[in-house]
Structures are given as C-alpha cells and as structure tokens.
C-alpha cells in the first residue's frame, strides 16, 4: 500500500525551477531515502507535502487523502534539519507542552510523553534543553514529531551535522519507529541510506531520476565486476601487466569487469604462476556510483 504519492509536482521560485514534474511513490512502513545534492529540491518537496509551500501544479496524496496548502495534516510528523525548542524547558516539559497545544487529553499526553522519552533515550534526562547536544536535540525532535502517532514521519537531513555516534543513534531510531509509521528522510549521506533504507529515490533538477526498492535498484545496475586482492605488491603488478583493463582499487586490490572469460583467465593465470589470492569477490554497486551514473555528476 502507498503512504505517499506525488504526481506531476511543479514549483518555481522566481525564474528558478525547483520541482519539474516530480513523481514519487513511498510505500507504507518503508524507510524511504530521498537523495539529492544540496539545492536539488528535497526540502521544497517535503514542505509542499506538509502544506507549507504551495505547488504550482501537481497532486499529493498522504494515505489517500489530498494535501491542501495551508492545512496541517495531523497524520504527518515533521523533523526539520535544525529543530527549534524552548531552551528553558526540559524534554519532558516540552513534550507535555506540545501534547497540550495539540489537544491531547492530560492522561494520554503524559503516558505518550513517557513512552517517547524512553524510545529516544531521554527518560532520565532532567537538564534544560539549552544544555543538550545536537544529537539529543535531534532525538527530542523525533519524539515530538511522533507525539500524535503520525502515519508518515518526514525528516529533513536528520544526520547531516552529527558525529558518528549521533548519526548511529538517529538511524537506529528510524529503524525502530518503522514498525509504527512510514519514514521519509532526505539526505546526501549515501552511507546512511545504504544502512537503513528499504526504498530510495534520486532527485536531480527537480525530478526523480530513479526510484524503487534499494535491493532492486542495486540488482538492476549490478555489473559483472569483481575485486581481487593479492598477498604481495609484486604479484599485483604482475596481474596489472597481464590484465591492463583492471583498475587499482587499493594497495593490494584490483577491480575488473568480467567480459566473458576474464574471471577464468585471471584465475588460470594466477594458478599457473602460483600467485596466492587473498580475496576474490563480486563487487556490489555502491550508491555513490549509482548516483553519479544516474545524475551524470
């Protein structure tokens, strides 16, 4: 089932076209990576889905319901790239405050607050938000975005300014909340997408160049490329001279594309000359290579 469908979305700011007929489909309970360079239109797309930006043309459906500009859809939670809080509050006070202004009953917001604080690891945190690290603020932002049990959680560059530990904590949270919601997050950190995403779209010049299940996209673009690693540098040089089409991939590694018999020729060559191979494996296409290929970057 689709949680989000965008059809023919157009948006211009002055003489700049930001979205140029964008089509996008986000499956229910997926973690959808929305990938693109800075300025590709990711934030504009998400703010249009949220009803904060008026599209010039196109249609947006969230769980089958049309999105209307200027109308806040309660089934959507949103975490901006730099969430803002009242710094004098504690995390618990802030969530209770947000629950109150959204109309939640006192008993419900108190129980939901404790549930979410436990989820994001802030149950025992009694300090004011002004003393929080960037990672703690992102975790609190996710808790606030999940307060009303949204069907779609939108996160704009949630890990872009975090250290490795902070990034891991946020990505682990996204994996956890997938059980109760659909996650759409924009990013230009491709390793984050490979780690947690089930689906992905590459945004370039206002259109989705490619989209679908991550595993299917990798399979579609997979080539008969292999990595070979030797024990000694001199052995690597012998292989390079015998197979000049191979590319150096590391101090003791070569990559090559199997064109019919290259793999068996290389194995036979190494066996005849008693060259020990430490590793020989098929190379999986990286998202970085795919993105560069699809967008022509």
C-alpha atoms as a PDB file:
ATOM      1  CA  UNK A   1       0.000   0.000   0.000  1.00  0.00           C
ATOM      2  CA  UNK A   2       1.161   3.554  -0.749  1.00  0.00           C
ATOM      3  CA  UNK A   3       1.542   6.008   2.104  1.00  0.00           C
ATOM      4  CA  UNK A   4       2.598   8.940  -0.088  1.00  0.00           C
ATOM      5  CA  UNK A   5       2.010   9.558  -3.783  1.00  0.00           C
ATOM      6  CA  UNK A   6       3.234  12.671  -5.571  1.00  0.00           C
ATOM      7  CA  UNK A   7       2.198  13.203  -9.181  1.00  0.00           C
ATOM      8  CA  UNK A   8       3.436  15.889 -11.579  1.00  0.00           C
ATOM      9  CA  UNK A   9       4.660  18.285  -8.878  1.00  0.00           C
ATOM     10  CA  UNK A  10       5.925  21.639 -10.171  1.00  0.00           C
ATOM     11  CA  UNK A  11       7.330  24.573  -8.226  1.00  0.00           C
ATOM     12  CA  UNK A  12       9.204  27.697  -9.288  1.00  0.00           C
ATOM     13  CA  UNK A  13      10.695  30.461  -7.180  1.00  0.00           C
ATOM     14  CA  UNK A  14      11.044  33.460  -9.478  1.00  0.00           C
ATOM     15  CA  UNK A  15      12.879  32.292 -12.586  1.00  0.00           C
ATOM     16  CA  UNK A  16      14.270  29.153 -10.900  1.00  0.00           C
ATOM     17  CA  UNK A  17      12.524  25.826 -11.442  1.00  0.00           C
ATOM     18  CA  UNK A  18      12.912  23.772  -8.267  1.00  0.00           C
ATOM     19  CA  UNK A  19      10.478  20.934  -8.993  1.00  0.00           C
ATOM     20  CA  UNK A  20       9.875  19.926 -12.579  1.00  0.00           C
ATOM     21  CA  UNK A  21       7.090  17.352 -12.758  1.00  0.00           C
ATOM     22  CA  UNK A  22       8.180  15.265  -9.772  1.00  0.00           C
ATOM     23  CA  UNK A  23       6.549  11.834  -9.403  1.00  0.00           C
ATOM     24  CA  UNK A  24       7.195   9.916  -6.207  1.00  0.00           C
ATOM     25  CA  UNK A  25       5.660   6.883  -4.504  1.00  0.00           C
ATOM     26  CA  UNK A  26       6.501   5.964  -0.904  1.00  0.00           C
ATOM     27  CA  UNK A  27       5.284   2.531   0.267  1.00  0.00           C
ATOM     28  CA  UNK A  28       3.686   2.091   3.673  1.00  0.00           C
ATOM     29  CA  UNK A  29       6.069   1.162   6.521  1.00  0.00           C
ATOM     30  CA  UNK A  30       9.119   1.778   4.376  1.00  0.00           C
ATOM     31  CA  UNK A  31      12.197   3.814   5.251  1.00  0.00           C
ATOM     32  CA  UNK A  32      12.463   5.928   2.141  1.00  0.00           C
ATOM     33  CA  UNK A  33      15.722   7.703   1.383  1.00  0.00           C
ATOM     34  CA  UNK A  34      15.204  10.931  -0.562  1.00  0.00           C
ATOM     35  CA  UNK A  35      18.646  11.540  -2.027  1.00  0.00           C
ATOM     36  CA  UNK A  36      19.951  14.593  -3.834  1.00  0.00           C
ATOM     37  CA  UNK A  37      22.611  17.260  -3.868  1.00  0.00           C
ATOM     38  CA  UNK A  38      22.065  20.488  -1.947  1.00  0.00           C
ATOM     39  CA  UNK A  39      19.537  22.560  -3.876  1.00  0.00           C
ATOM     40  CA  UNK A  40      18.015  19.564  -5.662  1.00  0.00           C
ATOM     41  CA  UNK A  41      14.531  20.324  -4.284  1.00  0.00           C
ATOM     42  CA  UNK A  42      14.324  17.890  -1.370  1.00  0.00           C
ATOM     43  CA  UNK A  43      13.263  20.429   1.265  1.00  0.00           C
ATOM     44  CA  UNK A  44      10.797  22.118  -1.098  1.00  0.00           C
ATOM     45  CA  UNK A  45       9.183  18.756  -1.791  1.00  0.00           C
ATOM     46  CA  UNK A  46       8.801  17.943   1.883  1.00  0.00           C
ATOM     47  CA  UNK A  47       7.420  21.368   2.776  1.00  0.00           C
ATOM     48  CA  UNK A  48       4.905  21.026  -0.055  1.00  0.00           C
ATOM     49  CA  UNK A  49       3.830  17.643   1.350  1.00  0.00           C
ATOM     50  CA  UNK A  50       3.429  19.337   4.730  1.00  0.00           C
ATOM     51  CA  UNK A  51       1.203  22.033   3.200  1.00  0.00           C
ATOM     52  CA  UNK A  52       3.736  24.772   3.994  1.00  0.00           C
ATOM     53  CA  UNK A  53       4.598  25.557   0.356  1.00  0.00           C
ATOM     54  CA  UNK A  54       2.042  25.975  -2.419  1.00  0.00           C
ATOM     55  CA  UNK A  55       2.764  23.926  -5.525  1.00  0.00           C
ATOM     56  CA  UNK A  56       2.346  25.489  -8.967  1.00  0.00           C
ATOM     57  CA  UNK A  57       0.897  22.221 -10.255  1.00  0.00           C
ATOM     58  CA  UNK A  58       0.607  18.590  -9.228  1.00  0.00           C
ATOM     59  CA  UNK A  59      -1.160  16.378  -6.745  1.00  0.00           C
ATOM     60  CA  UNK A  60      -0.105  14.968  -3.367  1.00  0.00           C
ATOM     61  CA  UNK A  61      -1.898  12.170  -1.506  1.00  0.00           C
ATOM     62  CA  UNK A  62      -0.986  11.064   2.025  1.00  0.00           C
ATOM     63  CA  UNK A  63      -2.652   7.784   2.910  1.00  0.00           C
ATOM     64  CA  UNK A  64      -5.152   8.501   0.127  1.00  0.00           C
ATOM     65  CA  UNK A  65      -6.020  11.996   1.393  1.00  0.00           C
ATOM     66  CA  UNK A  66      -5.174  15.042  -0.787  1.00  0.00           C
ATOM     67  CA  UNK A  67      -2.783  17.575   0.751  1.00  0.00           C
ATOM     68  CA  UNK A  68      -4.074  21.155   0.777  1.00  0.00           C
ATOM     69  CA  UNK A  69      -1.797  24.168   1.042  1.00  0.00           C
ATOM     70  CA  UNK A  70      -2.179  25.968   4.382  1.00  0.00           C
ATOM     71  CA  UNK A  71      -3.772  22.973   6.083  1.00  0.00           C
ATOM     72  CA  UNK A  72      -1.821  20.976   8.646  1.00  0.00           C
ATOM     73  CA  UNK A  73      -2.312  17.254   8.179  1.00  0.00           C
ATOM     74  CA  UNK A  74      -2.283  15.519  11.609  1.00  0.00           C
ATOM     75  CA  UNK A  75      -1.201  12.221  10.048  1.00  0.00           C
ATOM     76  CA  UNK A  76       2.237  13.702   9.243  1.00  0.00           C
ATOM     77  CA  UNK A  77       5.096  14.235  11.699  1.00  0.00           C
ATOM     78  CA  UNK A  78       7.989  16.526  10.766  1.00  0.00           C
ATOM     79  CA  UNK A  79      11.581  16.881  11.941  1.00  0.00           C
ATOM     80  CA  UNK A  80      13.356  19.873  10.316  1.00  0.00           C
ATOM     81  CA  UNK A  81      17.103  19.819   9.778  1.00  0.00           C
ATOM     82  CA  UNK A  82      17.581  22.217  12.727  1.00  0.00           C
ATOM     83  CA  UNK A  83      14.676  21.725  15.169  1.00  0.00           C
ATOM     84  CA  UNK A  84      13.904  24.651  17.483  1.00  0.00           C
ATOM     85  CA  UNK A  85      12.815  24.327  21.113  1.00  0.00           C
ATOM     86  CA  UNK A  86      12.119  26.474  24.152  1.00  0.00           C
ATOM     87  CA  UNK A  87      15.581  26.228  25.739  1.00  0.00           C
ATOM     88  CA  UNK A  88      14.365  26.833  29.295  1.00  0.00           C
ATOM     89  CA  UNK A  89      12.208  23.692  29.262  1.00  0.00           C
ATOM     90  CA  UNK A  90      13.218  20.118  29.985  1.00  0.00           C
ATOM     91  CA  UNK A  91      12.497  17.417  27.396  1.00  0.00           C
ATOM     92  CA  UNK A  92       9.525  16.182  29.433  1.00  0.00           C
ATOM     93  CA  UNK A  93       8.096  19.689  29.847  1.00  0.00           C
ATOM     94  CA  UNK A  94       8.443  20.350  26.139  1.00  0.00           C
ATOM     95  CA  UNK A  95       6.645  17.160  25.065  1.00  0.00           C
ATOM     96  CA  UNK A  96       3.852  17.773  27.584  1.00  0.00           C
ATOM     97  CA  UNK A  97       3.525  21.321  26.265  1.00  0.00           C
ATOM     98  CA  UNK A  98       3.316  20.113  22.647  1.00  0.00           C
ATOM     99  CA  UNK A  99       0.744  17.499  23.605  1.00  0.00           C
ATOM    100  CA  UNK A 100      -1.350  20.136  25.322  1.00  0.00           C
ATOM    101  CA  UNK A 101      -1.434  22.584  22.401  1.00  0.00           C
ATOM    102  CA  UNK A 102      -2.281  19.745  20.018  1.00  0.00           C
ATOM    103  CA  UNK A 103      -5.371  18.912  22.056  1.00  0.00           C
ATOM    104  CA  UNK A 104      -4.313  15.648  23.677  1.00  0.00           C
ATOM    105  CA  UNK A 105      -6.030  14.731  26.933  1.00  0.00           C
ATOM    106  CA  UNK A 106      -3.834  15.030  30.023  1.00  0.00           C
ATOM    107  CA  UNK A 107      -3.627  11.314  30.778  1.00  0.00           C
ATOM    108  CA  UNK A 108      -2.879  10.475  27.153  1.00  0.00           C
ATOM    109  CA  UNK A 109      -0.153  13.062  26.729  1.00  0.00           C
ATOM    110  CA  UNK A 110       1.522  12.045  29.983  1.00  0.00           C
ATOM    111  CA  UNK A 111       1.631   8.369  29.024  1.00  0.00           C
ATOM    112  CA  UNK A 112       2.699   9.164  25.459  1.00  0.00           C
ATOM    113  CA  UNK A 113       5.397  11.507  26.756  1.00  0.00           C
ATOM    114  CA  UNK A 114       6.924   8.798  28.950  1.00  0.00           C
ATOM    115  CA  UNK A 115       6.716   6.278  26.115  1.00  0.00           C
ATOM    116  CA  UNK A 116       8.540   8.569  23.696  1.00  0.00           C
ATOM    117  CA  UNK A 117      11.180   9.711  26.179  1.00  0.00           C
ATOM    118  CA  UNK A 118      12.033   6.041  26.742  1.00  0.00           C
ATOM    119  CA  UNK A 119      12.104   5.423  22.989  1.00  0.00           C
ATOM    120  CA  UNK A 120      14.616   8.218  22.317  1.00  0.00           C
ATOM    121  CA  UNK A 121      16.715   7.597  25.429  1.00  0.00           C
ATOM    122  CA  UNK A 122      15.845  10.778  27.327  1.00  0.00           C
ATOM    123  CA  UNK A 123      13.814   9.344  30.216  1.00  0.00           C
ATOM    124  CA  UNK A 124      16.470  10.138  32.800  1.00  0.00           C
ATOM    125  CA  UNK A 125      17.485  13.495  31.306  1.00  0.00           C
ATOM    126  CA  UNK A 126      16.453  16.311  33.645  1.00  0.00           C
ATOM    127  CA  UNK A 127      18.570  19.154  32.252  1.00  0.00           C
ATOM    128  CA  UNK A 128      17.190  22.105  30.320  1.00  0.00           C
ATOM    129  CA  UNK A 129      17.167  21.781  26.541  1.00  0.00           C
ATOM    130  CA  UNK A 130      19.638  24.654  26.258  1.00  0.00           C
ATOM    131  CA  UNK A 131      22.323  22.256  27.515  1.00  0.00           C
ATOM    132  CA  UNK A 132      21.502  19.471  25.053  1.00  0.00           C
ATOM    133  CA  UNK A 133      23.936  18.279  22.421  1.00  0.00           C
ATOM    134  CA  UNK A 134      22.897  18.353  18.745  1.00  0.00           C
ATOM    135  CA  UNK A 135      22.213  14.626  18.849  1.00  0.00           C
ATOM    136  CA  UNK A 136      19.988  14.933  21.923  1.00  0.00           C
ATOM    137  CA  UNK A 137      18.013  17.703  20.235  1.00  0.00           C
ATOM    138  CA  UNK A 138      17.507  15.529  17.151  1.00  0.00           C
ATOM    139  CA  UNK A 139      16.250  12.686  19.331  1.00  0.00           C
ATOM    140  CA  UNK A 140      13.868  15.035  21.121  1.00  0.00           C
ATOM    141  CA  UNK A 141      12.732  16.332  17.738  1.00  0.00           C
ATOM    142  CA  UNK A 142      11.864  12.795  16.639  1.00  0.00           C
ATOM    143  CA  UNK A 143       9.892  12.279  19.870  1.00  0.00           C
ATOM    144  CA  UNK A 144       7.944  15.490  19.258  1.00  0.00           C
ATOM    145  CA  UNK A 145       7.264  14.510  15.626  1.00  0.00           C
ATOM    146  CA  UNK A 146       5.887  11.132  16.769  1.00  0.00           C
ATOM    147  CA  UNK A 147       3.699  12.597  19.523  1.00  0.00           C
ATOM    148  CA  UNK A 148       0.400  12.292  17.611  1.00  0.00           C
ATOM    149  CA  UNK A 149       1.224   8.857  16.185  1.00  0.00           C
ATOM    150  CA  UNK A 150       1.630  10.068  12.577  1.00  0.00           C
ATOM    151  CA  UNK A 151       1.290   7.690   9.650  1.00  0.00           C
ATOM    152  CA  UNK A 152       4.144   9.468   7.855  1.00  0.00           C
ATOM    153  CA  UNK A 153       7.296  10.818   9.520  1.00  0.00           C
ATOM    154  CA  UNK A 154       9.276  13.315   7.421  1.00  0.00           C
ATOM    155  CA  UNK A 155      12.865  14.065   8.438  1.00  0.00           C
ATOM    156  CA  UNK A 156      14.909  16.724   6.651  1.00  0.00           C
ATOM    157  CA  UNK A 157      18.648  15.905   6.774  1.00  0.00           C
ATOM    158  CA  UNK A 158      18.383  14.374  10.279  1.00  0.00           C
ATOM    159  CA  UNK A 159      22.021  13.242  10.488  1.00  0.00           C
ATOM    160  CA  UNK A 160      23.857  15.911   8.474  1.00  0.00           C
ATOM    161  CA  UNK A 161      25.566  17.706  11.386  1.00  0.00           C
ATOM    162  CA  UNK A 162      26.025  14.803  13.792  1.00  0.00           C
ATOM    163  CA  UNK A 163      29.128  12.915  14.840  1.00  0.00           C
ATOM    164  CA  UNK A 164      29.311   9.161  14.068  1.00  0.00           C
ATOM    165  CA  UNK A 165      27.720   8.154  17.375  1.00  0.00           C
ATOM    166  CA  UNK A 166      24.908  10.687  16.991  1.00  0.00           C
ATOM    167  CA  UNK A 167      24.248   9.511  13.430  1.00  0.00           C
ATOM    168  CA  UNK A 168      24.051   5.898  14.592  1.00  0.00           C
ATOM    169  CA  UNK A 169      21.575   6.799  17.333  1.00  0.00           C
ATOM    170  CA  UNK A 170      19.266   8.609  14.889  1.00  0.00           C
ATOM    171  CA  UNK A 171      19.449   5.861  12.270  1.00  0.00           C
ATOM    172  CA  UNK A 172      18.723   3.216  14.902  1.00  0.00           C
ATOM    173  CA  UNK A 173      15.697   5.254  15.972  1.00  0.00           C
ATOM    174  CA  UNK A 174      14.402   5.395  12.403  1.00  0.00           C
ATOM    175  CA  UNK A 175      14.718   1.620  12.156  1.00  0.00           C
ATOM    176  CA  UNK A 176      12.772   1.256  15.395  1.00  0.00           C
ATOM    177  CA  UNK A 177       9.889   3.609  14.532  1.00  0.00           C
ATOM    178  CA  UNK A 178       9.341   1.980  11.126  1.00  0.00           C
ATOM    179  CA  UNK A 179       7.084  -0.534  12.908  1.00  0.00           C
ATOM    180  CA  UNK A 180       4.531   2.189  13.664  1.00  0.00           C
ATOM    181  CA  UNK A 181       4.983   4.689  10.846  1.00  0.00           C
ATOM    182  CA  UNK A 182       6.421   5.296   7.369  1.00  0.00           C
ATOM    183  CA  UNK A 183       9.686   7.240   7.299  1.00  0.00           C
ATOM    184  CA  UNK A 184      10.723   9.633   4.537  1.00  0.00           C
ATOM    185  CA  UNK A 185      14.070  11.269   5.131  1.00  0.00           C
ATOM    186  CA  UNK A 186      16.163  13.447   2.886  1.00  0.00           C
ATOM    187  CA  UNK A 187      19.912  13.206   2.912  1.00  0.00           C
ATOM    188  CA  UNK A 188      23.084  13.499   0.885  1.00  0.00           C
ATOM    189  CA  UNK A 189      24.905  10.990   3.108  1.00  0.00           C
ATOM    190  CA  UNK A 190      24.646   7.878   0.965  1.00  0.00           C
ATOM    191  CA  UNK A 191      26.095   5.531   3.579  1.00  0.00           C
ATOM    192  CA  UNK A 192      23.108   6.348   5.828  1.00  0.00           C
ATOM    193  CA  UNK A 193      20.739   5.333   3.043  1.00  0.00           C
ATOM    194  CA  UNK A 194      22.558   2.042   2.473  1.00  0.00           C
ATOM    195  CA  UNK A 195      22.421   1.285   6.187  1.00  0.00           C
ATOM    196  CA  UNK A 196      18.710   1.731   6.904  1.00  0.00           C
ATOM    197  CA  UNK A 197      16.620   2.377   3.791  1.00  0.00           C
ATOM    198  CA  UNK A 198      14.266  -0.089   2.149  1.00  0.00           C
ATOM    199  CA  UNK A 199      13.497   2.281  -0.736  1.00  0.00           C
ATOM    200  CA  UNK A 200      15.222   5.234  -2.360  1.00  0.00           C
ATOM    201  CA  UNK A 201      14.760   7.997  -4.923  1.00  0.00           C
ATOM    202  CA  UNK A 202      17.490  10.090  -6.572  1.00  0.00           C
ATOM    203  CA  UNK A 203      16.349  13.681  -7.034  1.00  0.00           C
ATOM    204  CA  UNK A 204      18.102  15.745  -9.712  1.00  0.00           C
ATOM    205  CA  UNK A 205      16.984  19.020 -11.291  1.00  0.00           C
ATOM    206  CA  UNK A 206      13.529  18.731  -9.788  1.00  0.00           C
ATOM    207  CA  UNK A 207      12.705  15.205 -10.968  1.00  0.00           C
ATOM    208  CA  UNK A 208      13.241  11.702  -9.597  1.00  0.00           C
ATOM    209  CA  UNK A 209      15.807  10.117 -11.903  1.00  0.00           C
ATOM    210  CA  UNK A 210      15.302   6.698 -10.398  1.00  0.00           C
ATOM    211  CA  UNK A 211      13.252   5.281  -7.531  1.00  0.00           C
ATOM    212  CA  UNK A 212      12.199   1.958  -6.076  1.00  0.00           C
ATOM    213  CA  UNK A 213      13.327  -0.700  -3.650  1.00  0.00           C
ATOM    214  CA  UNK A 214      17.006  -0.318  -2.874  1.00  0.00           C
ATOM    215  CA  UNK A 215      17.746  -4.010  -3.432  1.00  0.00           C
ATOM    216  CA  UNK A 216      16.004  -3.953  -6.817  1.00  0.00           C
ATOM    217  CA  UNK A 217      17.895  -0.850  -7.945  1.00  0.00           C
ATOM    218  CA  UNK A 218      21.223  -2.366  -6.971  1.00  0.00           C
ATOM    219  CA  UNK A 219      20.334  -5.571  -8.826  1.00  0.00           C
ATOM    220  CA  UNK A 220      19.315  -3.577 -11.901  1.00  0.00           C
ATOM    221  CA  UNK A 221      22.624  -1.720 -12.045  1.00  0.00           C
ATOM    222  CA  UNK A 222      24.839  -4.608 -10.986  1.00  0.00           C
ATOM    223  CA  UNK A 223      27.657  -5.382 -13.406  1.00  0.00           C
ATOM    224  CA  UNK A 224      29.914  -8.403 -13.635  1.00  0.00           C
ATOM    225  CA  UNK A 225      32.575  -6.560 -11.656  1.00  0.00           C
ATOM    226  CA  UNK A 226      34.974  -8.327  -9.315  1.00  0.00           C
ATOM    227  CA  UNK A 227      37.569  -7.424  -6.690  1.00  0.00           C
ATOM    228  CA  UNK A 228      40.800  -9.402  -6.439  1.00  0.00           C
ATOM    229  CA  UNK A 229      43.337  -8.993  -3.629  1.00  0.00           C
ATOM    230  CA  UNK A 230      46.864 -10.375  -3.518  1.00  0.00           C
ATOM    231  CA  UNK A 231      49.314 -11.006  -0.678  1.00  0.00           C
ATOM    232  CA  UNK A 232      52.195  -9.139  -2.245  1.00  0.00           C
ATOM    233  CA  UNK A 233      52.522  -5.875  -4.151  1.00  0.00           C
ATOM    234  CA  UNK A 234      54.742  -7.519  -6.776  1.00  0.00           C
ATOM    235  CA  UNK A 235      52.025 -10.074  -7.519  1.00  0.00           C
ATOM    236  CA  UNK A 236      49.558  -7.234  -8.016  1.00  0.00           C
ATOM    237  CA  UNK A 237      51.902  -5.648 -10.546  1.00  0.00           C
ATOM    238  CA  UNK A 238      52.154  -8.926 -12.455  1.00  0.00           C
ATOM    239  CA  UNK A 239      48.353  -9.122 -12.677  1.00  0.00           C
ATOM    240  CA  UNK A 240      48.130  -5.479 -13.762  1.00  0.00           C
ATOM    241  CA  UNK A 241      50.542  -6.063 -16.601  1.00  0.00           C
ATOM    242  CA  UNK A 242      48.690  -9.190 -17.729  1.00  0.00           C
ATOM    243  CA  UNK A 243      45.239  -7.588 -17.425  1.00  0.00           C
ATOM    244  CA  UNK A 244      45.684  -3.871 -18.251  1.00  0.00           C
ATOM    245  CA  UNK A 245      41.923  -3.209 -18.199  1.00  0.00           C
ATOM    246  CA  UNK A 246      41.852  -3.897 -14.444  1.00  0.00           C
ATOM    247  CA  UNK A 247      41.772  -0.848 -12.159  1.00  0.00           C
ATOM    248  CA  UNK A 248      43.709  -0.369  -8.937  1.00  0.00           C
ATOM    249  CA  UNK A 249      41.239  -0.273  -6.029  1.00  0.00           C
ATOM    250  CA  UNK A 250      43.697  -0.326  -3.117  1.00  0.00           C
ATOM    251  CA  UNK A 251      47.315  -1.095  -2.179  1.00  0.00           C
ATOM    252  CA  UNK A 252      46.811  -4.799  -2.947  1.00  0.00           C
ATOM    253  CA  UNK A 253      43.492  -4.755  -4.799  1.00  0.00           C
ATOM    254  CA  UNK A 254      42.314  -4.663  -8.400  1.00  0.00           C
ATOM    255  CA  UNK A 255      38.815  -4.399  -9.816  1.00  0.00           C
ATOM    256  CA  UNK A 256      37.891  -5.758 -13.212  1.00  0.00           C
ATOM    257  CA  UNK A 257      34.797  -6.381 -15.300  1.00  0.00           C
ATOM    258  CA  UNK A 258      34.275  -9.964 -16.411  1.00  0.00           C
ATOM    259  CA  UNK A 259      33.792  -9.833 -20.177  1.00  0.00           C
ATOM    260  CA  UNK A 260      33.013 -13.439 -20.951  1.00  0.00           C
ATOM    261  CA  UNK A 261      36.179 -15.156 -19.785  1.00  0.00           C
ATOM    262  CA  UNK A 262      38.187 -12.546 -17.852  1.00  0.00           C
ATOM    263  CA  UNK A 263      37.477 -14.136 -14.462  1.00  0.00           C
ATOM    264  CA  UNK A 264      38.587 -17.621 -15.518  1.00  0.00           C
ATOM    265  CA  UNK A 265      41.569 -16.262 -17.441  1.00  0.00           C
ATOM    266  CA  UNK A 266      42.731 -14.381 -14.353  1.00  0.00           C
ATOM    267  CA  UNK A 267      42.280 -17.421 -12.100  1.00  0.00           C
ATOM    268  CA  UNK A 268      44.161 -19.626 -14.555  1.00  0.00           C
ATOM    269  CA  UNK A 269      46.924 -17.039 -14.886  1.00  0.00           C
ATOM    270  CA  UNK A 270      47.290 -16.756 -11.087  1.00  0.00           C
ATOM    271  CA  UNK A 271      47.287 -20.548 -10.630  1.00  0.00           C
ATOM    272  CA  UNK A 272      49.886 -21.126 -13.335  1.00  0.00           C
ATOM    273  CA  UNK A 273      52.229 -18.604 -11.703  1.00  0.00           C
ATOM    274  CA  UNK A 274      51.367 -19.675  -8.147  1.00  0.00           C
ATOM    275  CA  UNK A 275      50.132 -16.218  -7.197  1.00  0.00           C
ATOM    276  CA  UNK A 276      48.163 -16.550  -3.919  1.00  0.00           C
ATOM    277  CA  UNK A 277      44.891 -14.613  -3.879  1.00  0.00           C
ATOM    278  CA  UNK A 278      43.686 -13.337  -0.520  1.00  0.00           C
ATOM    279  CA  UNK A 279      40.237 -12.390  -1.773  1.00  0.00           C
ATOM    280  CA  UNK A 280      38.103 -12.678  -4.874  1.00  0.00           C
ATOM    281  CA  UNK A 281      34.525 -11.441  -4.717  1.00  0.00           C
ATOM    282  CA  UNK A 282      31.827  -9.870  -6.783  1.00  0.00           C
ATOM    283  CA  UNK A 283      31.614  -6.111  -6.275  1.00  0.00           C
ATOM    284  CA  UNK A 284      28.251  -4.714  -5.221  1.00  0.00           C
ATOM    285  CA  UNK A 285      27.335  -1.383  -6.831  1.00  0.00           C
ATOM    286  CA  UNK A 286      27.662   1.456  -4.335  1.00  0.00           C
ATOM    287  CA  UNK A 287      25.017   4.141  -4.054  1.00  0.00           C
ATOM    288  CA  UNK A 288      27.692   6.730  -4.735  1.00  0.00           C
ATOM    289  CA  UNK A 289      28.481   5.158  -8.107  1.00  0.00           C
ATOM    290  CA  UNK A 290      24.800   4.743  -8.907  1.00  0.00           C
ATOM    291  CA  UNK A 291      24.039   8.358  -8.030  1.00  0.00           C
ATOM    292  CA  UNK A 292      26.924   9.666 -10.131  1.00  0.00           C
ATOM    293  CA  UNK A 293      25.874   7.484 -13.053  1.00  0.00           C
ATOM    294  CA  UNK A 294      22.160   8.296 -12.906  1.00  0.00           C
ATOM    295  CA  UNK A 295      22.554  12.051 -12.413  1.00  0.00           C
ATOM    296  CA  UNK A 296      25.565  12.451 -14.683  1.00  0.00           C
ATOM    297  CA  UNK A 297      27.527  14.146 -11.889  1.00  0.00           C
END
